[in-house]
Amino acid sequence: MPRAASLLGLLLLAGPVRAQPATQVQLEVGKTAKVDVGLAQGLNCDDLSVVDAKLKSSKDQKHLVLVLKGKSPGDTYCRAGTGLGPTVLVHVTVVEPPL
């Protein structure tokens, strides 16, 4: 019982967990957008048929940039940072180019 009480105490001291708001990005099929993701390492996207996503070093080599290229109309989420460090959530919407 004391162990459970200690764990409960730690959880209460940690405070509420807040959801990370997603950065919104809209781009056209065939176009590219860049999002600065700081030091977030690793990349995961829900639907790679919508967007081509890559992490690249910035020009000054001090942080990373998420490079997104629209492949087909739709939307998906990508997260830079898949470990215990910083993460950046991006909601990507790809639209058809205007005629």
PDB file of N, CA and C in Angstrom:
ATOM      1  N   MET A   1       0.806  -1.207   0.000  1.00  0.00           N
ATOM      2  CA  MET A   1       0.000   0.000   0.000  1.00  0.00           C
ATOM      3  C   MET A   1       0.847   1.269   0.000  1.00  0.00           C
ATOM      4  N   PRO A   2       1.921   1.339   0.808  1.00  0.00           N
ATOM      5  CA  PRO A   2       2.728   2.560   0.789  1.00  0.00           C
ATOM      6  C   PRO A   2       3.338   2.834  -0.581  1.00  0.00           C
ATOM      7  N   ARG A   3       3.681   1.782  -1.311  1.00  0.00           N
ATOM      8  CA  ARG A   3       4.262   1.977  -2.637  1.00  0.00           C
ATOM      9  C   ARG A   3       3.228   2.605  -3.587  1.00  0.00           C
ATOM     10  N   ALA A   4       1.997   2.131  -3.529  1.00  0.00           N
ATOM     11  CA  ALA A   4       0.938   2.691  -4.363  1.00  0.00           C
ATOM     12  C   ALA A   4       0.673   4.143  -3.994  1.00  0.00           C
ATOM     13  N   ALA A   5       0.721   4.460  -2.721  1.00  0.00           N
ATOM     14  CA  ALA A   5       0.507   5.838  -2.285  1.00  0.00           C
ATOM     15  C   ALA A   5       1.629   6.740  -2.789  1.00  0.00           C
ATOM     16  N   SER A   6       2.853   6.237  -2.785  1.00  0.00           N
ATOM     17  CA  SER A   6       3.982   7.020  -3.288  1.00  0.00           C
ATOM     18  C   SER A   6       3.827   7.303  -4.771  1.00  0.00           C
ATOM     19  N   LEU A   7       3.418   6.279  -5.516  1.00  0.00           N
ATOM     20  CA  LEU A   7       3.216   6.449  -6.947  1.00  0.00           C
ATOM     21  C   LEU A   7       2.100   7.443  -7.228  1.00  0.00           C
ATOM     22  N   LEU A   8       1.005   7.335  -6.487  1.00  0.00           N
ATOM     23  CA  LEU A   8      -0.099   8.267  -6.654  1.00  0.00           C
ATOM     24  C   LEU A   8       0.348   9.691  -6.335  1.00  0.00           C
ATOM     25  N   GLY A   9       1.146   9.851  -5.313  1.00  0.00           N
ATOM     26  CA  GLY A   9       1.662  11.171  -4.952  1.00  0.00           C
ATOM     27  C   GLY A   9       2.514  11.770  -6.061  1.00  0.00           C
ATOM     28  N   LEU A  10       3.367  10.951  -6.670  1.00  0.00           N
ATOM     29  CA  LEU A  10       4.193  11.429  -7.776  1.00  0.00           C
ATOM     30  C   LEU A  10       3.342  11.851  -8.966  1.00  0.00           C
ATOM     31  N   LEU A  11       2.309  11.075  -9.265  1.00  0.00           N
ATOM     32  CA  LEU A  11       1.433  11.414 -10.378  1.00  0.00           C
ATOM     33  C   LEU A  11       0.698  12.734 -10.133  1.00  0.00           C
ATOM     34  N   LEU A  12       0.271  12.943  -8.908  1.00  0.00           N
ATOM     35  CA  LEU A  12      -0.434  14.186  -8.587  1.00  0.00           C
ATOM     36  C   LEU A  12       0.499  15.388  -8.646  1.00  0.00           C
ATOM     37  N   LEU A  13       1.756  15.200  -8.242  1.00  0.00           N
ATOM     38  CA  LEU A  13       2.719  16.299  -8.296  1.00  0.00           C
ATOM     39  C   LEU A  13       3.107  16.645  -9.729  1.00  0.00           C
ATOM     40  N   ALA A  14       3.047  15.668 -10.630  1.00  0.00           N
ATOM     41  CA  ALA A  14       3.420  15.902 -12.017  1.00  0.00           C
ATOM     42  C   ALA A  14       2.458  16.860 -12.706  1.00  0.00           C
ATOM     43  N   GLY A  15       1.239  16.936 -12.261  1.00  0.00           N
ATOM     44  CA  GLY A  15       0.264  17.845 -12.850  1.00  0.00           C
ATOM     45  C   GLY A  15      -0.429  17.241 -14.048  1.00  0.00           C
ATOM     46  N   PRO A  16      -1.365  17.988 -14.612  1.00  0.00           N
ATOM     47  CA  PRO A  16      -2.121  17.467 -15.748  1.00  0.00           C
ATOM     48  C   PRO A  16      -1.269  17.401 -17.016  1.00  0.00           C
ATOM     49  N   VAL A  17      -1.571  16.449 -17.839  1.00  0.00           N
ATOM     50  CA  VAL A  17      -0.900  16.309 -19.121  1.00  0.00           C
ATOM     51  C   VAL A  17      -1.727  17.058 -20.158  1.00  0.00           C
ATOM     52  N   ARG A  18      -1.067  17.909 -20.918  1.00  0.00           N
ATOM     53  CA  ARG A  18      -1.773  18.677 -21.942  1.00  0.00           C
ATOM     54  C   ARG A  18      -1.395  18.162 -23.324  1.00  0.00           C
ATOM     55  N   ALA A  19      -2.384  18.078 -24.171  1.00  0.00           N
ATOM     56  CA  ALA A  19      -2.135  17.637 -25.537  1.00  0.00           C
ATOM     57  C   ALA A  19      -1.356  18.716 -26.286  1.00  0.00           C
ATOM     58  N   GLN A  20      -0.436  18.275 -27.111  1.00  0.00           N
ATOM     59  CA  GLN A  20       0.358  19.206 -27.903  1.00  0.00           C
ATOM     60  C   GLN A  20      -0.465  19.676 -29.097  1.00  0.00           C
ATOM     61  N   PRO A  21      -0.623  20.990 -29.279  1.00  0.00           N
ATOM     62  CA  PRO A  21      -1.354  21.455 -30.463  1.00  0.00           C
ATOM     63  C   PRO A  21      -0.548  21.168 -31.722  1.00  0.00           C
ATOM     64  N   ALA A  22      -1.238  20.847 -32.781  1.00  0.00           N
ATOM     65  CA  ALA A  22      -0.576  20.536 -34.043  1.00  0.00           C
ATOM     66  C   ALA A  22      -0.341  21.811 -34.847  1.00  0.00           C
ATOM     67  N   THR A  23       0.818  21.900 -35.453  1.00  0.00           N
ATOM     68  CA  THR A  23       1.106  22.964 -36.406  1.00  0.00           C
ATOM     69  C   THR A  23       0.363  22.631 -37.695  1.00  0.00           C
ATOM     70  N   GLN A  24      -0.375  23.587 -38.242  1.00  0.00           N
ATOM     71  CA  GLN A  24      -1.164  23.367 -39.454  1.00  0.00           C
ATOM     72  C   GLN A  24      -0.357  23.773 -40.686  1.00  0.00           C
ATOM     73  N   VAL A  25      -0.281  22.877 -41.648  1.00  0.00           N
ATOM     74  CA  VAL A  25       0.414  23.163 -42.905  1.00  0.00           C
ATOM     75  C   VAL A  25      -0.502  22.761 -44.055  1.00  0.00           C
ATOM     76  N   GLN A  26      -0.716  23.677 -44.996  1.00  0.00           N
ATOM     77  CA  GLN A  26      -1.477  23.350 -46.201  1.00  0.00           C
ATOM     78  C   GLN A  26      -0.577  23.607 -47.396  1.00  0.00           C
ATOM     79  N   LEU A  27      -0.531  22.636 -48.320  1.00  0.00           N
ATOM     80  CA  LEU A  27       0.263  22.805 -49.524  1.00  0.00           C
ATOM     81  C   LEU A  27      -0.413  22.119 -50.689  1.00  0.00           C
ATOM     82  N   GLU A  28       0.003  22.506 -51.882  1.00  0.00           N
ATOM     83  CA  GLU A  28      -0.554  21.929 -53.093  1.00  0.00           C
ATOM     84  C   GLU A  28       0.231  20.689 -53.499  1.00  0.00           C
ATOM     85  N   VAL A  29      -0.419  19.828 -54.270  1.00  0.00           N
ATOM     86  CA  VAL A  29       0.248  18.656 -54.821  1.00  0.00           C
ATOM     87  C   VAL A  29       1.470  19.133 -55.604  1.00  0.00           C
ATOM     88  N   GLY A  30       2.619  18.530 -55.358  1.00  0.00           N
ATOM     89  CA  GLY A  30       3.851  18.887 -56.050  1.00  0.00           C
ATOM     90  C   GLY A  30       4.643  20.012 -55.413  1.00  0.00           C
ATOM     91  N   LYS A  31       4.056  20.737 -54.464  1.00  0.00           N
ATOM     92  CA  LYS A  31       4.744  21.847 -53.798  1.00  0.00           C
ATOM     93  C   LYS A  31       5.389  21.363 -52.505  1.00  0.00           C
ATOM     94  N   THR A  32       6.331  22.172 -52.006  1.00  0.00           N
ATOM     95  CA  THR A  32       7.097  21.822 -50.810  1.00  0.00           C
ATOM     96  C   THR A  32       6.900  22.880 -49.731  1.00  0.00           C
ATOM     97  N   ALA A  33       6.830  22.422 -48.480  1.00  0.00           N
ATOM     98  CA  ALA A  33       6.774  23.311 -47.325  1.00  0.00           C
ATOM     99  C   ALA A  33       7.816  22.840 -46.317  1.00  0.00           C
ATOM    100  N   LYS A  34       8.328  23.777 -45.513  1.00  0.00           N
ATOM    101  CA  LYS A  34       9.332  23.453 -44.503  1.00  0.00           C
ATOM    102  C   LYS A  34       8.839  23.904 -43.139  1.00  0.00           C
ATOM    103  N   VAL A  35       9.099  23.063 -42.131  1.00  0.00           N
ATOM    104  CA  VAL A  35       8.719  23.370 -40.753  1.00  0.00           C
ATOM    105  C   VAL A  35       9.945  23.163 -39.873  1.00  0.00           C
ATOM    106  N   ASP A  36      10.338  24.196 -39.126  1.00  0.00           N
ATOM    107  CA  ASP A  36      11.462  24.079 -38.192  1.00  0.00           C
ATOM    108  C   ASP A  36      11.008  23.211 -37.013  1.00  0.00           C
ATOM    109  N   VAL A  37      11.720  22.118 -36.760  1.00  0.00           N
ATOM    110  CA  VAL A  37      11.344  21.214 -35.661  1.00  0.00           C
ATOM    111  C   VAL A  37      12.401  21.192 -34.567  1.00  0.00           C
ATOM    112  N   GLY A  38      13.290  22.165 -34.570  1.00  0.00           N
ATOM    113  CA  GLY A  38      14.286  22.263 -33.510  1.00  0.00           C
ATOM    114  C   GLY A  38      15.210  21.064 -33.479  1.00  0.00           C
ATOM    115  N   LEU A  39      15.277  20.408 -32.318  1.00  0.00           N
ATOM    116  CA  LEU A  39      16.168  19.262 -32.144  1.00  0.00           C
ATOM    117  C   LEU A  39      15.417  17.931 -32.141  1.00  0.00           C
ATOM    118  N   ALA A  40      14.179  17.930 -32.594  1.00  0.00           N
ATOM    119  CA  ALA A  40      13.371  16.705 -32.608  1.00  0.00           C
ATOM    120  C   ALA A  40      14.007  15.671 -33.545  1.00  0.00           C
ATOM    121  N   GLN A  41      14.257  14.487 -33.028  1.00  0.00           N
ATOM    122  CA  GLN A  41      14.894  13.410 -33.793  1.00  0.00           C
ATOM    123  C   GLN A  41      13.873  12.331 -34.104  1.00  0.00           C
ATOM    124  N   GLY A  42      13.899  11.793 -35.314  1.00  0.00           N
ATOM    125  CA  GLY A  42      12.973  10.738 -35.710  1.00  0.00           C
ATOM    126  C   GLY A  42      11.739  11.336 -36.371  1.00  0.00           C
ATOM    127  N   LEU A  43      11.098  10.532 -37.218  1.00  0.00           N
ATOM    128  CA  LEU A  43       9.940  11.022 -37.973  1.00  0.00           C
ATOM    129  C   LEU A  43       8.951   9.895 -38.196  1.00  0.00           C
ATOM    130  N   ASN A  44       7.679  10.211 -38.028  1.00  0.00           N
ATOM    131  CA  ASN A  44       6.614   9.254 -38.283  1.00  0.00           C
ATOM    132  C   ASN A  44       5.423  10.001 -38.879  1.00  0.00           C
ATOM    133  N   CYS A  45       4.924   9.517 -40.030  1.00  0.00           N
ATOM    134  CA  CYS A  45       3.738  10.092 -40.662  1.00  0.00           C
ATOM    135  C   CYS A  45       2.680   9.003 -40.806  1.00  0.00           C
ATOM    136  N   ASP A  46       1.420   9.389 -40.624  1.00  0.00           N
ATOM    137  CA  ASP A  46       0.323   8.427 -40.704  1.00  0.00           C
ATOM    138  C   ASP A  46       0.076   7.923 -42.120  1.00  0.00           C
ATOM    139  N   ASP A  47       0.134   8.797 -43.120  1.00  0.00           N
ATOM    140  CA  ASP A  47      -0.233   8.403 -44.493  1.00  0.00           C
ATOM    141  C   ASP A  47       0.776   8.957 -45.488  1.00  0.00           C
ATOM    142  N   LEU A  48       1.706   8.115 -45.894  1.00  0.00           N
ATOM    143  CA  LEU A  48       2.750   8.542 -46.821  1.00  0.00           C
ATOM    144  C   LEU A  48       2.274   8.605 -48.270  1.00  0.00           C
ATOM    145  N   SER A  49       1.027   8.256 -48.533  1.00  0.00           N
ATOM    146  CA  SER A  49       0.499   8.436 -49.889  1.00  0.00           C
ATOM    147  C   SER A  49       0.083   9.891 -50.115  1.00  0.00           C
ATOM    148  N   VAL A  50      -0.053  10.664 -49.028  1.00  0.00           N
ATOM    149  CA  VAL A  50      -0.464  12.062 -49.118  1.00  0.00           C
ATOM    150  C   VAL A  50       0.739  12.995 -49.198  1.00  0.00           C
ATOM    151  N   VAL A  51       1.772  12.679 -48.450  1.00  0.00           N
ATOM    152  CA  VAL A  51       2.920  13.587 -48.343  1.00  0.00           C
ATOM    153  C   VAL A  51       4.221  12.792 -48.271  1.00  0.00           C
ATOM    154  N   ASP A  52       5.262  13.352 -48.879  1.00  0.00           N
ATOM    155  CA  ASP A  52       6.612  12.831 -48.743  1.00  0.00           C
ATOM    156  C   ASP A  52       7.281  13.682 -47.675  1.00  0.00           C
ATOM    157  N   ALA A  53       7.774  13.077 -46.601  1.00  0.00           N
ATOM    158  CA  ALA A  53       8.335  13.824 -45.483  1.00  0.00           C
ATOM    159  C   ALA A  53       9.768  13.385 -45.209  1.00  0.00           C
ATOM    160  N   LYS A  54      10.638  14.377 -44.961  1.00  0.00           N
ATOM    161  CA  LYS A  54      12.042  14.108 -44.656  1.00  0.00           C
ATOM    162  C   LYS A  54      12.529  15.112 -43.634  1.00  0.00           C
ATOM    163  N   LEU A  55      13.408  14.668 -42.734  1.00  0.00           N
ATOM    164  CA  LEU A  55      14.086  15.567 -41.817  1.00  0.00           C
ATOM    165  C   LEU A  55      15.458  15.898 -42.393  1.00  0.00           C
ATOM    166  N   LYS A  56      15.778  17.190 -42.431  1.00  0.00           N
ATOM    167  CA  LYS A  56      17.079  17.630 -42.941  1.00  0.00           C
ATOM    168  C   LYS A  56      17.669  18.644 -41.979  1.00  0.00           C
ATOM    169  N   SER A  57      18.987  18.736 -41.971  1.00  0.00           N
ATOM    170  CA  SER A  57      19.661  19.744 -41.158  1.00  0.00           C
ATOM    171  C   SER A  57      19.415  21.123 -41.746  1.00  0.00           C
ATOM    172  N   SER A  58      19.310  22.106 -40.861  1.00  0.00           N
ATOM    173  CA  SER A  58      19.180  23.490 -41.325  1.00  0.00           C
ATOM    174  C   SER A  58      20.511  23.942 -41.921  1.00  0.00           C
ATOM    175  N   LYS A  59      20.486  25.059 -42.606  1.00  0.00           N
ATOM    176  CA  LYS A  59      21.708  25.570 -43.240  1.00  0.00           C
ATOM    177  C   LYS A  59      22.810  25.834 -42.217  1.00  0.00           C
ATOM    178  N   ASP A  60      22.423  26.292 -41.019  1.00  0.00           N
ATOM    179  CA  ASP A  60      23.427  26.566 -39.993  1.00  0.00           C
ATOM    180  C   ASP A  60      23.801  25.321 -39.177  1.00  0.00           C
ATOM    181  N   GLN A  61      23.172  24.167 -39.497  1.00  0.00           N
ATOM    182  CA  GLN A  61      23.468  22.879 -38.853  1.00  0.00           C
ATOM    183  C   GLN A  61      23.154  22.865 -37.354  1.00  0.00           C
ATOM    184  N   LYS A  62      22.297  23.790 -36.880  1.00  0.00           N
ATOM    185  CA  LYS A  62      21.992  23.871 -35.451  1.00  0.00           C
ATOM    186  C   LYS A  62      20.657  23.255 -35.078  1.00  0.00           C
ATOM    187  N   HIS A  63      19.804  22.987 -36.065  1.00  0.00           N
ATOM    188  CA  HIS A  63      18.504  22.379 -35.798  1.00  0.00           C
ATOM    189  C   HIS A  63      18.040  21.626 -37.036  1.00  0.00           C
ATOM    190  N   LEU A  64      16.883  20.981 -36.930  1.00  0.00           N
ATOM    191  CA  LEU A  64      16.348  20.199 -38.039  1.00  0.00           C
ATOM    192  C   LEU A  64      15.130  20.875 -38.653  1.00  0.00           C
ATOM    193  N   VAL A  65      14.911  20.576 -39.933  1.00  0.00           N
ATOM    194  CA  VAL A  65      13.772  21.110 -40.670  1.00  0.00           C
ATOM    195  C   VAL A  65      13.016  19.925 -41.257  1.00  0.00           C
ATOM    196  N   LEU A  66      11.708  19.922 -41.059  1.00  0.00           N
ATOM    197  CA  LEU A  66      10.838  18.912 -41.663  1.00  0.00           C
ATOM    198  C   LEU A  66      10.442  19.428 -43.044  1.00  0.00           C
ATOM    199  N   VAL A  67      10.826  18.687 -44.077  1.00  0.00           N
ATOM    200  CA  VAL A  67      10.520  19.072 -45.456  1.00  0.00           C
ATOM    201  C   VAL A  67       9.365  18.201 -45.927  1.00  0.00           C
ATOM    202  N   LEU A  68       8.270  18.840 -46.325  1.00  0.00           N
ATOM    203  CA  LEU A  68       7.049  18.148 -46.737  1.00  0.00           C
ATOM    204  C   LEU A  68       6.766  18.442 -48.203  1.00  0.00           C
ATOM    205  N   LYS A  69       6.500  17.403 -48.994  1.00  0.00           N
ATOM    206  CA  LYS A  69       6.136  17.595 -50.400  1.00  0.00           C
ATOM    207  C   LYS A  69       4.802  16.899 -50.645  1.00  0.00           C
ATOM    208  N   GLY A  70       3.830  17.658 -51.155  1.00  0.00           N
ATOM    209  CA  GLY A  70       2.501  17.117 -51.412  1.00  0.00           C
ATOM    210  C   GLY A  70       2.514  16.089 -52.531  1.00  0.00           C
ATOM    211  N   LYS A  71       1.928  14.915 -52.271  1.00  0.00           N
ATOM    212  CA  LYS A  71       1.876  13.852 -53.279  1.00  0.00           C
ATOM    213  C   LYS A  71       0.478  13.681 -53.861  1.00  0.00           C
ATOM    214  N   SER A  72      -0.539  13.694 -53.002  1.00  0.00           N
ATOM    215  CA  SER A  72      -1.918  13.548 -53.471  1.00  0.00           C
ATOM    216  C   SER A  72      -2.846  14.248 -52.478  1.00  0.00           C
ATOM    217  N   PRO A  73      -4.028  14.687 -52.927  1.00  0.00           N
ATOM    218  CA  PRO A  73      -4.954  15.390 -52.032  1.00  0.00           C
ATOM    219  C   PRO A  73      -5.338  14.525 -50.827  1.00  0.00           C
ATOM    220  N   GLY A  74      -5.414  15.173 -49.685  1.00  0.00           N
ATOM    221  CA  GLY A  74      -5.795  14.496 -48.452  1.00  0.00           C
ATOM    222  C   GLY A  74      -5.142  15.170 -47.270  1.00  0.00           C
ATOM    223  N   ASP A  75      -5.233  14.541 -46.114  1.00  0.00           N
ATOM    224  CA  ASP A  75      -4.564  15.091 -44.943  1.00  0.00           C
ATOM    225  C   ASP A  75      -3.996  13.965 -44.091  1.00  0.00           C
ATOM    226  N   THR A  76      -2.972  14.308 -43.331  1.00  0.00           N
ATOM    227  CA  THR A  76      -2.295  13.344 -42.486  1.00  0.00           C
ATOM    228  C   THR A  76      -1.591  14.080 -41.359  1.00  0.00           C
ATOM    229  N   TYR A  77      -1.168  13.342 -40.369  1.00  0.00           N
ATOM    230  CA  TYR A  77      -0.362  13.881 -39.278  1.00  0.00           C
ATOM    231  C   TYR A  77       1.044  13.337 -39.387  1.00  0.00           C
ATOM    232  N   CYS A  78       2.030  14.193 -39.145  1.00  0.00           N
ATOM    233  CA  CYS A  78       3.424  13.781 -39.049  1.00  0.00           C
ATOM    234  C   CYS A  78       3.957  14.281 -37.711  1.00  0.00           C
ATOM    235  N   ARG A  79       4.788  13.456 -37.088  1.00  0.00           N
ATOM    236  CA  ARG A  79       5.421  13.857 -35.829  1.00  0.00           C
ATOM    237  C   ARG A  79       6.932  13.741 -35.994  1.00  0.00           C
ATOM    238  N   ALA A  80       7.610  14.860 -35.792  1.00  0.00           N
ATOM    239  CA  ALA A  80       9.063  14.855 -35.711  1.00  0.00           C
ATOM    240  C   ALA A  80       9.402  14.698 -34.236  1.00  0.00           C
ATOM    241  N   GLY A  81      10.261  13.733 -33.943  1.00  0.00           N
ATOM    242  CA  GLY A  81      10.598  13.459 -32.546  1.00  0.00           C
ATOM    243  C   GLY A  81       9.839  12.248 -32.064  1.00  0.00           C
ATOM    244  N   THR A  82      10.434  11.091 -32.168  1.00  0.00           N
ATOM    245  CA  THR A  82       9.742   9.857 -31.801  1.00  0.00           C
ATOM    246  C   THR A  82      10.270   9.254 -30.509  1.00  0.00           C
ATOM    247  N   GLY A  83      11.249   9.884 -29.891  1.00  0.00           N
ATOM    248  CA  GLY A  83      11.821   9.365 -28.653  1.00  0.00           C
ATOM    249  C   GLY A  83      11.321  10.127 -27.448  1.00  0.00           C
ATOM    250  N   LEU A  84      12.161  10.214 -26.443  1.00  0.00           N
ATOM    251  CA  LEU A  84      11.789  10.892 -25.207  1.00  0.00           C
ATOM    252  C   LEU A  84      12.083  12.388 -25.228  1.00  0.00           C
ATOM    253  N   GLY A  85      12.740  12.865 -26.273  1.00  0.00           N
ATOM    254  CA  GLY A  85      13.092  14.281 -26.360  1.00  0.00           C
ATOM    255  C   GLY A  85      11.951  15.113 -26.902  1.00  0.00           C
ATOM    256  N   PRO A  86      12.282  16.278 -27.439  1.00  0.00           N
ATOM    257  CA  PRO A  86      11.249  17.188 -27.962  1.00  0.00           C
ATOM    258  C   PRO A  86      10.534  16.593 -29.170  1.00  0.00           C
ATOM    259  N   THR A  87       9.266  16.940 -29.320  1.00  0.00           N
ATOM    260  CA  THR A  87       8.478  16.493 -30.463  1.00  0.00           C
ATOM    261  C   THR A  87       7.702  17.667 -31.049  1.00  0.00           C
ATOM    262  N   VAL A  88       7.395  17.555 -32.333  1.00  0.00           N
ATOM    263  CA  VAL A  88       6.572  18.557 -33.024  1.00  0.00           C
ATOM    264  C   VAL A  88       5.542  17.792 -33.844  1.00  0.00           C
ATOM    265  N   LEU A  89       4.267  18.056 -33.589  1.00  0.00           N
ATOM    266  CA  LEU A  89       3.170  17.433 -34.318  1.00  0.00           C
ATOM    267  C   LEU A  89       2.706  18.381 -35.414  1.00  0.00           C
ATOM    268  N   VAL A  90       2.587  17.863 -36.647  1.00  0.00           N
ATOM    269  CA  VAL A  90       2.196  18.683 -37.796  1.00  0.00           C
ATOM    270  C   VAL A  90       0.999  18.038 -38.486  1.00  0.00           C
ATOM    271  N   HIS A  91      -0.072  18.808 -38.690  1.00  0.00           N
ATOM    272  CA  HIS A  91      -1.230  18.353 -39.456  1.00  0.00           C
ATOM    273  C   HIS A  91      -1.061  18.908 -40.860  1.00  0.00           C
ATOM    274  N   VAL A  92      -0.904  18.005 -41.833  1.00  0.00           N
ATOM    275  CA  VAL A  92      -0.632  18.390 -43.215  1.00  0.00           C
ATOM    276  C   VAL A  92      -1.875  18.176 -44.053  1.00  0.00           C
ATOM    277  N   THR A  93      -2.301  19.204 -44.771  1.00  0.00           N
ATOM    278  CA  THR A  93      -3.401  19.108 -45.723  1.00  0.00           C
ATOM    279  C   THR A  93      -2.854  19.402 -47.114  1.00  0.00           C
ATOM    280  N   VAL A  94      -3.038  18.449 -48.013  1.00  0.00           N
ATOM    281  CA  VAL A  94      -2.567  18.617 -49.394  1.00  0.00           C
ATOM    282  C   VAL A  94      -3.799  18.811 -50.278  1.00  0.00           C
ATOM    283  N   VAL A  95      -3.764  19.860 -51.099  1.00  0.00           N
ATOM    284  CA  VAL A  95      -4.893  20.191 -51.974  1.00  0.00           C
ATOM    285  C   VAL A  95      -4.432  20.194 -53.430  1.00  0.00           C
ATOM    286  N   GLU A  96      -5.390  20.055 -54.344  1.00  0.00           N
ATOM    287  CA  GLU A  96      -5.103  20.153 -55.780  1.00  0.00           C
ATOM    288  C   GLU A  96      -4.724  21.598 -56.093  1.00  0.00           C
ATOM    289  N   PRO A  97      -3.788  21.800 -57.038  1.00  0.00           N
ATOM    290  CA  PRO A  97      -3.478  23.171 -57.441  1.00  0.00           C
ATOM    291  C   PRO A  97      -4.651  23.785 -58.191  1.00  0.00           C
ATOM    292  N   PRO A  98      -4.808  25.118 -58.103  1.00  0.00           N
ATOM    293  CA  PRO A  98      -5.896  25.758 -58.838  1.00  0.00           C
ATOM    294  C   PRO A  98      -5.687  25.618 -60.350  1.00  0.00           C
ATOM    295  N   LEU A  99      -6.773  25.585 -61.069  1.00  0.00           N
ATOM    296  CA  LEU A  99      -6.685  25.440 -62.546  1.00  0.00           C
ATOM    297  C   LEU A  99      -6.347  26.746 -63.218  1.00  0.00           C
TER     298      LEU A  99
END
